[in-house]
């Protein structure tokens, strides 16, 4: 593949593809193509797609000779490649970068898993209220840790918006806003509520919502 426009394979409604779209827009990258691959329709299992992503998942980013998958790896790449433009989302010192990485790990290993467990029940029809309550109880323990952290800093890695915050937007939006569990999650957690209001009001995220 020749050097030129970035190609992102995925679909905007996917939480992982959405994560990459936000990163691109925060960095001011407009010259990219979103090539729709709908895994729910089996499009991830085609030989053409599996040549790019052997597990048949999305997203995949192509940048010249580079083919990259796993959304958090992709957003790190975007932050580094376009370091000199857009929002500085990866930190500017070794300490800041380390804290961004730490909270990206927290998001991937703790927040994301617990949030998706809640979504499994919140998005069901009919909703199993007992199982949802149990999942929310586990998730609340994660949110309590976030409340403590955000009582000291405006954002997770410090007083600057970063990949660590950005990575929460897609999954968090589904639970907090789409399935209206934010009221429960934010009760007694004013710093989490303020943090979510700040990151979910960013123009780049609003543009991604328009694509969904």
Foldseek 3Di string as FASTA:
>chain_A
DAADAKEKEEALLDLLSVLLLLLCVQQVNDRHHYHYQDVVVVSLVDPVNCVLPVVSDDIWMDGGVDIDDDRVVNSVVSLVVSVPGGFNAQDDDPLLNVQLVVLLCCCVPPQVVLLVQLCVQLVDVVHPVVSNVVSVVSNLVSLVVVLVQLVQALDRSHPGHHSSLSSCPSSVCCCCPVSPCVVVSCVVRVSVVNSCVVVCPDPSNVVSVVRD
